[in-house]
Amino acid sequence: MLEEQIDKFGHKKVVQVVMNSAASCVAAGKLLTGKYPNVVNSPCSAHCLDLLLEDIGKLHWVGAVIDQWKEVVKFITNHQQGCHDVMI
């Protein structure tokens, strides 16, 4: 599908292909750069950040902080009804 689109626009007009870093996409990216050496294959920054944050969230001390913030959010959500009348 990607080759079809690159061919449609012309491989000299395509500079970069951005996709997530799943194994199948990495393999497809290698095939693309093999066929079109001028096209750069880049992983999606948002996907990389998501994977990084998932790994960070698995750290024991980070999990504890996240649990504490969930309690803060729950408290604010459950007690926000009376805050509408407060003027700052």
PDB file of N, CA and C in Angstrom:
ATOM      1  N   MET A   1       0.825  -1.184   0.000  1.00  0.00           N
ATOM      2  CA  MET A   1       0.000   0.000   0.000  1.00  0.00           C
ATOM      3  C   MET A   1       0.876   1.257   0.000  1.00  0.00           C
ATOM      4  N   LEU A   2       1.949   1.233   0.792  1.00  0.00           N
ATOM      5  CA  LEU A   2       2.841   2.383   0.829  1.00  0.00           C
ATOM      6  C   LEU A   2       3.546   2.578  -0.511  1.00  0.00           C
ATOM      7  N   GLU A   3       3.995   1.475  -1.097  1.00  0.00           N
ATOM      8  CA  GLU A   3       4.655   1.561  -2.400  1.00  0.00           C
ATOM      9  C   GLU A   3       3.710   2.166  -3.436  1.00  0.00           C
ATOM     10  N   GLU A   4       2.461   1.767  -3.363  1.00  0.00           N
ATOM     11  CA  GLU A   4       1.461   2.283  -4.299  1.00  0.00           C
ATOM     12  C   GLU A   4       1.347   3.803  -4.174  1.00  0.00           C
ATOM     13  N   GLN A   5       1.317   4.293  -2.949  1.00  0.00           N
ATOM     14  CA  GLN A   5       1.207   5.735  -2.730  1.00  0.00           C
ATOM     15  C   GLN A   5       2.483   6.471  -3.143  1.00  0.00           C
ATOM     16  N   ILE A   6       3.628   5.886  -2.852  1.00  0.00           N
ATOM     17  CA  ILE A   6       4.897   6.502  -3.254  1.00  0.00           C
ATOM     18  C   ILE A   6       4.968   6.575  -4.777  1.00  0.00           C
ATOM     19  N   ASP A   7       4.581   5.503  -5.431  1.00  0.00           N
ATOM     20  CA  ASP A   7       4.586   5.493  -6.894  1.00  0.00           C
ATOM     21  C   ASP A   7       3.572   6.491  -7.467  1.00  0.00           C
ATOM     22  N   LYS A   8       2.457   6.624  -6.783  1.00  0.00           N
ATOM     23  CA  LYS A   8       1.410   7.555  -7.227  1.00  0.00           C
ATOM     24  C   LYS A   8       1.934   8.988  -7.255  1.00  0.00           C
ATOM     25  N   PHE A   9       2.658   9.395  -6.207  1.00  0.00           N
ATOM     26  CA  PHE A   9       3.176  10.758  -6.120  1.00  0.00           C
ATOM     27  C   PHE A   9       4.535  10.915  -6.797  1.00  0.00           C
ATOM     28  N   GLY A  10       5.238   9.821  -6.954  1.00  0.00           N
ATOM     29  CA  GLY A  10       6.583   9.851  -7.520  1.00  0.00           C
ATOM     30  C   GLY A  10       7.605   9.795  -6.402  1.00  0.00           C
ATOM     31  N   HIS A  11       8.478   8.798  -6.440  1.00  0.00           N
ATOM     32  CA  HIS A  11       9.403   8.569  -5.328  1.00  0.00           C
ATOM     33  C   HIS A  11      10.347   9.743  -5.095  1.00  0.00           C
ATOM     34  N   LYS A  12      10.568  10.588  -6.096  1.00  0.00           N
ATOM     35  CA  LYS A  12      11.431  11.755  -5.894  1.00  0.00           C
ATOM     36  C   LYS A  12      10.731  12.861  -5.113  1.00  0.00           C
ATOM     37  N   LYS A  13       9.403  12.792  -5.025  1.00  0.00           N
ATOM     38  CA  LYS A  13       8.636  13.790  -4.279  1.00  0.00           C
ATOM     39  C   LYS A  13       8.391  13.371  -2.831  1.00  0.00           C
ATOM     40  N   VAL A  14       8.600  12.106  -2.530  1.00  0.00           N
ATOM     41  CA  VAL A  14       8.382  11.596  -1.174  1.00  0.00           C
ATOM     42  C   VAL A  14       9.707  11.647  -0.419  1.00  0.00           C
ATOM     43  N   VAL A  15       9.691  12.327   0.718  1.00  0.00           N
ATOM     44  CA  VAL A  15      10.913  12.500   1.501  1.00  0.00           C
ATOM     45  C   VAL A  15      10.948  11.544   2.681  1.00  0.00           C
ATOM     46  N   GLN A  16       9.798  11.347   3.319  1.00  0.00           N
ATOM     47  CA  GLN A  16       9.769  10.600   4.570  1.00  0.00           C
ATOM     48  C   GLN A  16       8.461   9.845   4.723  1.00  0.00           C
ATOM     49  N   VAL A  17       8.548   8.674   5.342  1.00  0.00           N
ATOM     50  CA  VAL A  17       7.381   7.887   5.718  1.00  0.00           C
ATOM     51  C   VAL A  17       7.458   7.707   7.230  1.00  0.00           C
ATOM     52  N   VAL A  18       6.375   8.059   7.922  1.00  0.00           N
ATOM     53  CA  VAL A  18       6.321   7.958   9.376  1.00  0.00           C
ATOM     54  C   VAL A  18       5.289   6.905   9.746  1.00  0.00           C
ATOM     55  N   MET A  19       5.704   5.942  10.578  1.00  0.00           N
ATOM     56  CA  MET A  19       4.775   4.899  11.030  1.00  0.00           C
ATOM     57  C   MET A  19       5.187   4.432  12.424  1.00  0.00           C
ATOM     58  N   ASN A  20       4.332   3.664  13.058  1.00  0.00           N
ATOM     59  CA  ASN A  20       4.681   3.216  14.408  1.00  0.00           C
ATOM     60  C   ASN A  20       5.825   2.215  14.355  1.00  0.00           C
ATOM     61  N   SER A  21       6.326   1.851  15.516  1.00  0.00           N
ATOM     62  CA  SER A  21       7.526   1.013  15.552  1.00  0.00           C
ATOM     63  C   SER A  21       7.218  -0.461  15.788  1.00  0.00           C
ATOM     64  N   ALA A  22       6.019  -0.898  15.403  1.00  0.00           N
ATOM     65  CA  ALA A  22       5.688  -2.325  15.479  1.00  0.00           C
ATOM     66  C   ALA A  22       6.612  -3.091  14.535  1.00  0.00           C
ATOM     67  N   ALA A  23       6.878  -4.337  14.844  1.00  0.00           N
ATOM     68  CA  ALA A  23       7.820  -5.137  14.069  1.00  0.00           C
ATOM     69  C   ALA A  23       7.454  -5.179  12.585  1.00  0.00           C
ATOM     70  N   SER A  24       6.167  -5.291  12.298  1.00  0.00           N
ATOM     71  CA  SER A  24       5.747  -5.341  10.891  1.00  0.00           C
ATOM     72  C   SER A  24       6.034  -4.024  10.170  1.00  0.00           C
ATOM     73  N   CYS A  25       5.886  -2.911  10.883  1.00  0.00           N
ATOM     74  CA  CYS A  25       6.162  -1.609  10.275  1.00  0.00           C
ATOM     75  C   CYS A  25       7.658  -1.401  10.082  1.00  0.00           C
ATOM     76  N   VAL A  26       8.462  -1.886  11.023  1.00  0.00           N
ATOM     77  CA  VAL A  26       9.913  -1.793  10.883  1.00  0.00           C
ATOM     78  C   VAL A  26      10.357  -2.580   9.653  1.00  0.00           C
ATOM     79  N   ALA A  27       9.798  -3.772   9.489  1.00  0.00           N
ATOM     80  CA  ALA A  27      10.126  -4.600   8.318  1.00  0.00           C
ATOM     81  C   ALA A  27       9.688  -3.908   7.027  1.00  0.00           C
ATOM     82  N   ALA A  28       8.494  -3.329   7.032  1.00  0.00           N
ATOM     83  CA  ALA A  28       8.005  -2.623   5.843  1.00  0.00           C
ATOM     84  C   ALA A  28       8.892  -1.421   5.538  1.00  0.00           C
ATOM     85  N   GLY A  29       9.341  -0.730   6.582  1.00  0.00           N
ATOM     86  CA  GLY A  29      10.228   0.414   6.391  1.00  0.00           C
ATOM     87  C   GLY A  29      11.550   0.021   5.756  1.00  0.00           C
ATOM     88  N   LYS A  30      12.081  -1.122   6.162  1.00  0.00           N
ATOM     89  CA  LYS A  30      13.335  -1.616   5.566  1.00  0.00           C
ATOM     90  C   LYS A  30      13.139  -1.953   4.090  1.00  0.00           C
ATOM     91  N   LEU A  31      11.989  -2.556   3.764  1.00  0.00           N
ATOM     92  CA  LEU A  31      11.696  -2.858   2.364  1.00  0.00           C
ATOM     93  C   LEU A  31      11.577  -1.568   1.544  1.00  0.00           C
ATOM     94  N   LEU A  32      10.928  -0.565   2.132  1.00  0.00           N
ATOM     95  CA  LEU A  32      10.761   0.702   1.423  1.00  0.00           C
ATOM     96  C   LEU A  32      12.101   1.396   1.167  1.00  0.00           C
ATOM     97  N   THR A  33      12.930   1.464   2.199  1.00  0.00           N
ATOM     98  CA  THR A  33      14.223   2.134   2.016  1.00  0.00           C
ATOM     99  C   THR A  33      15.129   1.339   1.084  1.00  0.00           C
ATOM    100  N   GLY A  34      14.924   0.034   0.982  1.00  0.00           N
ATOM    101  CA  GLY A  34      15.666  -0.771   0.018  1.00  0.00           C
ATOM    102  C   GLY A  34      15.264  -0.439  -1.410  1.00  0.00           C
ATOM    103  N   LYS A  35      13.970  -0.235  -1.612  1.00  0.00           N
ATOM    104  CA  LYS A  35      13.474   0.074  -2.951  1.00  0.00           C
ATOM    105  C   LYS A  35      13.622   1.557  -3.290  1.00  0.00           C
ATOM    106  N   TYR A  36      13.432   2.413  -2.277  1.00  0.00           N
ATOM    107  CA  TYR A  36      13.505   3.867  -2.468  1.00  0.00           C
ATOM    108  C   TYR A  36      14.547   4.437  -1.498  1.00  0.00           C
ATOM    109  N   PRO A  37      15.823   4.435  -1.857  1.00  0.00           N
ATOM    110  CA  PRO A  37      16.881   4.872  -0.929  1.00  0.00           C
ATOM    111  C   PRO A  37      16.766   6.337  -0.509  1.00  0.00           C
ATOM    112  N   ASN A  38      16.070   7.152  -1.303  1.00  0.00           N
ATOM    113  CA  ASN A  38      15.927   8.571  -0.950  1.00  0.00           C
ATOM    114  C   ASN A  38      14.827   8.816   0.080  1.00  0.00           C
ATOM    115  N   VAL A  39      13.996   7.830   0.359  1.00  0.00           N
ATOM    116  CA  VAL A  39      12.887   7.981   1.317  1.00  0.00           C
ATOM    117  C   VAL A  39      13.363   7.551   2.700  1.00  0.00           C
ATOM    118  N   VAL A  40      13.193   8.463   3.657  1.00  0.00           N
ATOM    119  CA  VAL A  40      13.583   8.184   5.036  1.00  0.00           C
ATOM    120  C   VAL A  40      12.398   7.558   5.763  1.00  0.00           C
ATOM    121  N   ASN A  41      12.647   6.488   6.488  1.00  0.00           N
ATOM    122  CA  ASN A  41      11.615   5.833   7.288  1.00  0.00           C
ATOM    123  C   ASN A  41      11.831   6.227   8.748  1.00  0.00           C
ATOM    124  N   SER A  42      10.819   6.828   9.363  1.00  0.00           N
ATOM    125  CA  SER A  42      10.943   7.291  10.750  1.00  0.00           C
ATOM    126  C   SER A  42       9.824   6.712  11.605  1.00  0.00           C
ATOM    127  N   PRO A  43      10.151   6.360  12.848  1.00  0.00           N
ATOM    128  CA  PRO A  43       9.085   5.913  13.743  1.00  0.00           C
ATOM    129  C   PRO A  43       8.246   7.108  14.197  1.00  0.00           C
ATOM    130  N   CYS A  44       7.003   6.869  14.493  1.00  0.00           N
ATOM    131  CA  CYS A  44       6.093   7.908  14.972  1.00  0.00           C
ATOM    132  C   CYS A  44       6.521   8.347  16.365  1.00  0.00           C
ATOM    133  N   SER A  45       6.732   9.631  16.553  1.00  0.00           N
ATOM    134  CA  SER A  45       7.171  10.155  17.851  1.00  0.00           C
ATOM    135  C   SER A  45       6.137   9.892  18.943  1.00  0.00           C
ATOM    136  N   ALA A  46       4.861  10.061  18.611  1.00  0.00           N
ATOM    137  CA  ALA A  46       3.814   9.832  19.606  1.00  0.00           C
ATOM    138  C   ALA A  46       3.802   8.375  20.048  1.00  0.00           C
ATOM    139  N   HIS A  47       3.984   7.459  19.119  1.00  0.00           N
ATOM    140  CA  HIS A  47       4.009   6.035  19.454  1.00  0.00           C
ATOM    141  C   HIS A  47       5.215   5.719  20.333  1.00  0.00           C
ATOM    142  N   CYS A  48       6.367   6.295  19.984  1.00  0.00           N
ATOM    143  CA  CYS A  48       7.573   6.079  20.791  1.00  0.00           C
ATOM    144  C   CYS A  48       7.390   6.618  22.206  1.00  0.00           C
ATOM    145  N   LEU A  49       6.804   7.808  22.319  1.00  0.00           N
ATOM    146  CA  LEU A  49       6.555   8.381  23.645  1.00  0.00           C
ATOM    147  C   LEU A  49       5.574   7.527  24.445  1.00  0.00           C
ATOM    148  N   ASP A  50       4.543   7.014  23.772  1.00  0.00           N
ATOM    149  CA  ASP A  50       3.577   6.149  24.442  1.00  0.00           C
ATOM    150  C   ASP A  50       4.269   4.910  25.008  1.00  0.00           C
ATOM    151  N   LEU A  51       5.131   4.278  24.203  1.00  0.00           N
ATOM    152  CA  LEU A  51       5.869   3.100  24.673  1.00  0.00           C
ATOM    153  C   LEU A  51       6.793   3.458  25.831  1.00  0.00           C
ATOM    154  N   LEU A  52       7.461   4.600  25.733  1.00  0.00           N
ATOM    155  CA  LEU A  52       8.354   5.050  26.791  1.00  0.00           C
ATOM    156  C   LEU A  52       7.588   5.291  28.092  1.00  0.00           C
ATOM    157  N   LEU A  53       6.452   5.974  28.003  1.00  0.00           N
ATOM    158  CA  LEU A  53       5.659   6.249  29.204  1.00  0.00           C
ATOM    159  C   LEU A  53       5.095   4.973  29.816  1.00  0.00           C
ATOM    160  N   GLU A  54       4.737   4.011  28.976  1.00  0.00           N
ATOM    161  CA  GLU A  54       4.287   2.715  29.516  1.00  0.00           C
ATOM    162  C   GLU A  54       5.392   2.057  30.325  1.00  0.00           C
ATOM    163  N   ASP A  55       6.618   2.092  29.804  1.00  0.00           N
ATOM    164  CA  ASP A  55       7.751   1.498  30.525  1.00  0.00           C
ATOM    165  C   ASP A  55       8.046   2.262  31.817  1.00  0.00           C
ATOM    166  N   ILE A  56       7.980   3.580  31.754  1.00  0.00           N
ATOM    167  CA  ILE A  56       8.221   4.380  32.955  1.00  0.00           C
ATOM    168  C   ILE A  56       7.149   4.092  33.999  1.00  0.00           C
ATOM    169  N   GLY A  57       5.902   3.938  33.550  1.00  0.00           N
ATOM    170  CA  GLY A  57       4.800   3.655  34.466  1.00  0.00           C
ATOM    171  C   GLY A  57       4.937   2.327  35.189  1.00  0.00           C
ATOM    172  N   LYS A  58       5.765   1.431  34.665  1.00  0.00           N
ATOM    173  CA  LYS A  58       5.986   0.127  35.304  1.00  0.00           C
ATOM    174  C   LYS A  58       6.992   0.206  36.452  1.00  0.00           C
ATOM    175  N   LEU A  59       7.725   1.316  36.543  1.00  0.00           N
ATOM    176  CA  LEU A  59       8.661   1.476  37.656  1.00  0.00           C
ATOM    177  C   LEU A  59       7.878   1.587  38.961  1.00  0.00           C
ATOM    178  N   HIS A  60       8.350   0.923  40.004  1.00  0.00           N
ATOM    179  CA  HIS A  60       7.621   0.863  41.271  1.00  0.00           C
ATOM    180  C   HIS A  60       7.296   2.249  41.819  1.00  0.00           C
ATOM    181  N   TRP A  61       8.291   3.112  41.913  1.00  0.00           N
ATOM    182  CA  TRP A  61       8.050   4.425  42.519  1.00  0.00           C
ATOM    183  C   TRP A  61       7.138   5.291  41.665  1.00  0.00           C
ATOM    184  N   VAL A  62       7.167   5.127  40.345  1.00  0.00           N
ATOM    185  CA  VAL A  62       6.290   5.902  39.469  1.00  0.00           C
ATOM    186  C   VAL A  62       4.855   5.419  39.633  1.00  0.00           C
ATOM    187  N   GLY A  63       4.681   4.113  39.727  1.00  0.00           N
ATOM    188  CA  GLY A  63       3.347   3.556  39.937  1.00  0.00           C
ATOM    189  C   GLY A  63       2.709   4.083  41.212  1.00  0.00           C
ATOM    190  N   ALA A  64       3.530   4.238  42.264  1.00  0.00           N
ATOM    191  CA  ALA A  64       3.020   4.768  43.533  1.00  0.00           C
ATOM    192  C   ALA A  64       2.567   6.218  43.371  1.00  0.00           C
ATOM    193  N   VAL A  65       3.329   7.009  42.638  1.00  0.00           N
ATOM    194  CA  VAL A  65       2.962   8.412  42.403  1.00  0.00           C
ATOM    195  C   VAL A  65       1.679   8.482  41.578  1.00  0.00           C
ATOM    196  N   ILE A  66       1.575   7.643  40.560  1.00  0.00           N
ATOM    197  CA  ILE A  66       0.368   7.627  39.731  1.00  0.00           C
ATOM    198  C   ILE A  66      -0.852   7.261  40.575  1.00  0.00           C
ATOM    199  N   ASP A  67      -0.710   6.277  41.450  1.00  0.00           N
ATOM    200  CA  ASP A  67      -1.818   5.891  42.325  1.00  0.00           C
ATOM    201  C   ASP A  67      -2.232   7.049  43.232  1.00  0.00           C
ATOM    202  N   GLN A  68      -1.260   7.803  43.748  1.00  0.00           N
ATOM    203  CA  GLN A  68      -1.579   8.960  44.600  1.00  0.00           C
ATOM    204  C   GLN A  68      -2.336  10.024  43.808  1.00  0.00           C
ATOM    205  N   TRP A  69      -1.907  10.271  42.566  1.00  0.00           N
ATOM    206  CA  TRP A  69      -2.582  11.272  41.755  1.00  0.00           C
ATOM    207  C   TRP A  69      -3.980  10.824  41.353  1.00  0.00           C
ATOM    208  N   LYS A  70      -4.196   9.532  41.192  1.00  0.00           N
ATOM    209  CA  LYS A  70      -5.536   9.033  40.908  1.00  0.00           C
ATOM    210  C   LYS A  70      -6.470   9.345  42.072  1.00  0.00           C
ATOM    211  N   GLU A  71      -5.945   9.228  43.294  1.00  0.00           N
ATOM    212  CA  GLU A  71      -6.747   9.558  44.477  1.00  0.00           C
ATOM    213  C   GLU A  71      -7.065  11.054  44.527  1.00  0.00           C
ATOM    214  N   VAL A  72      -6.105  11.892  44.163  1.00  0.00           N
ATOM    215  CA  VAL A  72      -6.334  13.342  44.128  1.00  0.00           C
ATOM    216  C   VAL A  72      -7.407  13.682  43.105  1.00  0.00           C
ATOM    217  N   VAL A  73      -7.307  13.089  41.918  1.00  0.00           N
ATOM    218  CA  VAL A  73      -8.292  13.337  40.865  1.00  0.00           C
ATOM    219  C   VAL A  73      -9.674  12.870  41.311  1.00  0.00           C
ATOM    220  N   LYS A  74      -9.732  11.700  41.942  1.00  0.00           N
ATOM    221  CA  LYS A  74     -11.007  11.180  42.434  1.00  0.00           C
ATOM    222  C   LYS A  74     -11.612  12.127  43.470  1.00  0.00           C
ATOM    223  N   PHE A  75     -10.781  12.642  44.370  1.00  0.00           N
ATOM    224  CA  PHE A  75     -11.253  13.572  45.400  1.00  0.00           C
ATOM    225  C   PHE A  75     -11.820  14.834  44.759  1.00  0.00           C
ATOM    226  N   ILE A  76     -11.067  15.412  43.818  1.00  0.00           N
ATOM    227  CA  ILE A  76     -11.517  16.647  43.161  1.00  0.00           C
ATOM    228  C   ILE A  76     -12.796  16.400  42.377  1.00  0.00           C
ATOM    229  N   THR A  77     -12.859  15.297  41.668  1.00  0.00           N
ATOM    230  CA  THR A  77     -14.047  14.972  40.880  1.00  0.00           C
ATOM    231  C   THR A  77     -15.272  14.813  41.771  1.00  0.00           C
ATOM    232  N   ASN A  78     -15.101  14.171  42.914  1.00  0.00           N
ATOM    233  CA  ASN A  78     -16.229  13.929  43.818  1.00  0.00           C
ATOM    234  C   ASN A  78     -16.628  15.160  44.619  1.00  0.00           C
ATOM    235  N   HIS A  79     -15.758  16.162  44.704  1.00  0.00           N
ATOM    236  CA  HIS A  79     -16.046  17.326  45.534  1.00  0.00           C
ATOM    237  C   HIS A  79     -16.100  18.631  44.748  1.00  0.00           C
ATOM    238  N   GLN A  80     -16.213  18.584  43.469  1.00  0.00           N
ATOM    239  CA  GLN A  80     -16.204  19.794  42.674  1.00  0.00           C
ATOM    240  C   GLN A  80     -17.556  20.496  42.619  1.00  0.00           C
ATOM    241  N   GLN A  81     -18.621  19.821  43.014  1.00  0.00           N
ATOM    242  CA  GLN A  81     -19.946  20.397  42.914  1.00  0.00           C
ATOM    243  C   GLN A  81     -20.062  21.702  43.701  1.00  0.00           C
ATOM    244  N   GLY A  82     -19.516  21.769  44.904  1.00  0.00           N
ATOM    245  CA  GLY A  82     -19.617  22.972  45.720  1.00  0.00           C
ATOM    246  C   GLY A  82     -18.652  24.062  45.329  1.00  0.00           C
ATOM    247  N   CYS A  83     -17.727  23.785  44.418  1.00  0.00           N
ATOM    248  CA  CYS A  83     -16.709  24.770  44.034  1.00  0.00           C
ATOM    249  C   CYS A  83     -17.208  25.789  43.026  1.00  0.00           C
ATOM    250  N   HIS A  84     -18.346  25.567  42.420  1.00  0.00           N
ATOM    251  CA  HIS A  84     -18.835  26.488  41.389  1.00  0.00           C
ATOM    252  C   HIS A  84     -19.219  27.846  41.964  1.00  0.00           C
ATOM    253  N   ASP A  85     -19.571  27.886  43.250  1.00  0.00           N
ATOM    254  CA  ASP A  85     -20.002  29.147  43.855  1.00  0.00           C
ATOM    255  C   ASP A  85     -18.836  29.940  44.429  1.00  0.00           C
ATOM    256  N   VAL A  86     -17.650  29.403  44.450  1.00  0.00           N
ATOM    257  CA  VAL A  86     -16.485  30.076  45.021  1.00  0.00           C
ATOM    258  C   VAL A  86     -15.963  31.093  44.014  1.00  0.00           C
ATOM    259  N   MET A  87     -15.766  32.334  44.473  1.00  0.00           N
ATOM    260  CA  MET A  87     -15.225  33.382  43.612  1.00  0.00           C
ATOM    261  C   MET A  87     -13.777  33.623  43.991  1.00  0.00           C
ATOM    262  N   ILE A  88     -12.941  33.770  43.004  1.00  0.00           N
ATOM    263  CA  ILE A  88     -11.520  34.017  43.242  1.00  0.00           C
ATOM    264  C   ILE A  88     -11.199  35.442  42.938  1.00  0.00           C
TER     265      ILE A  88
END
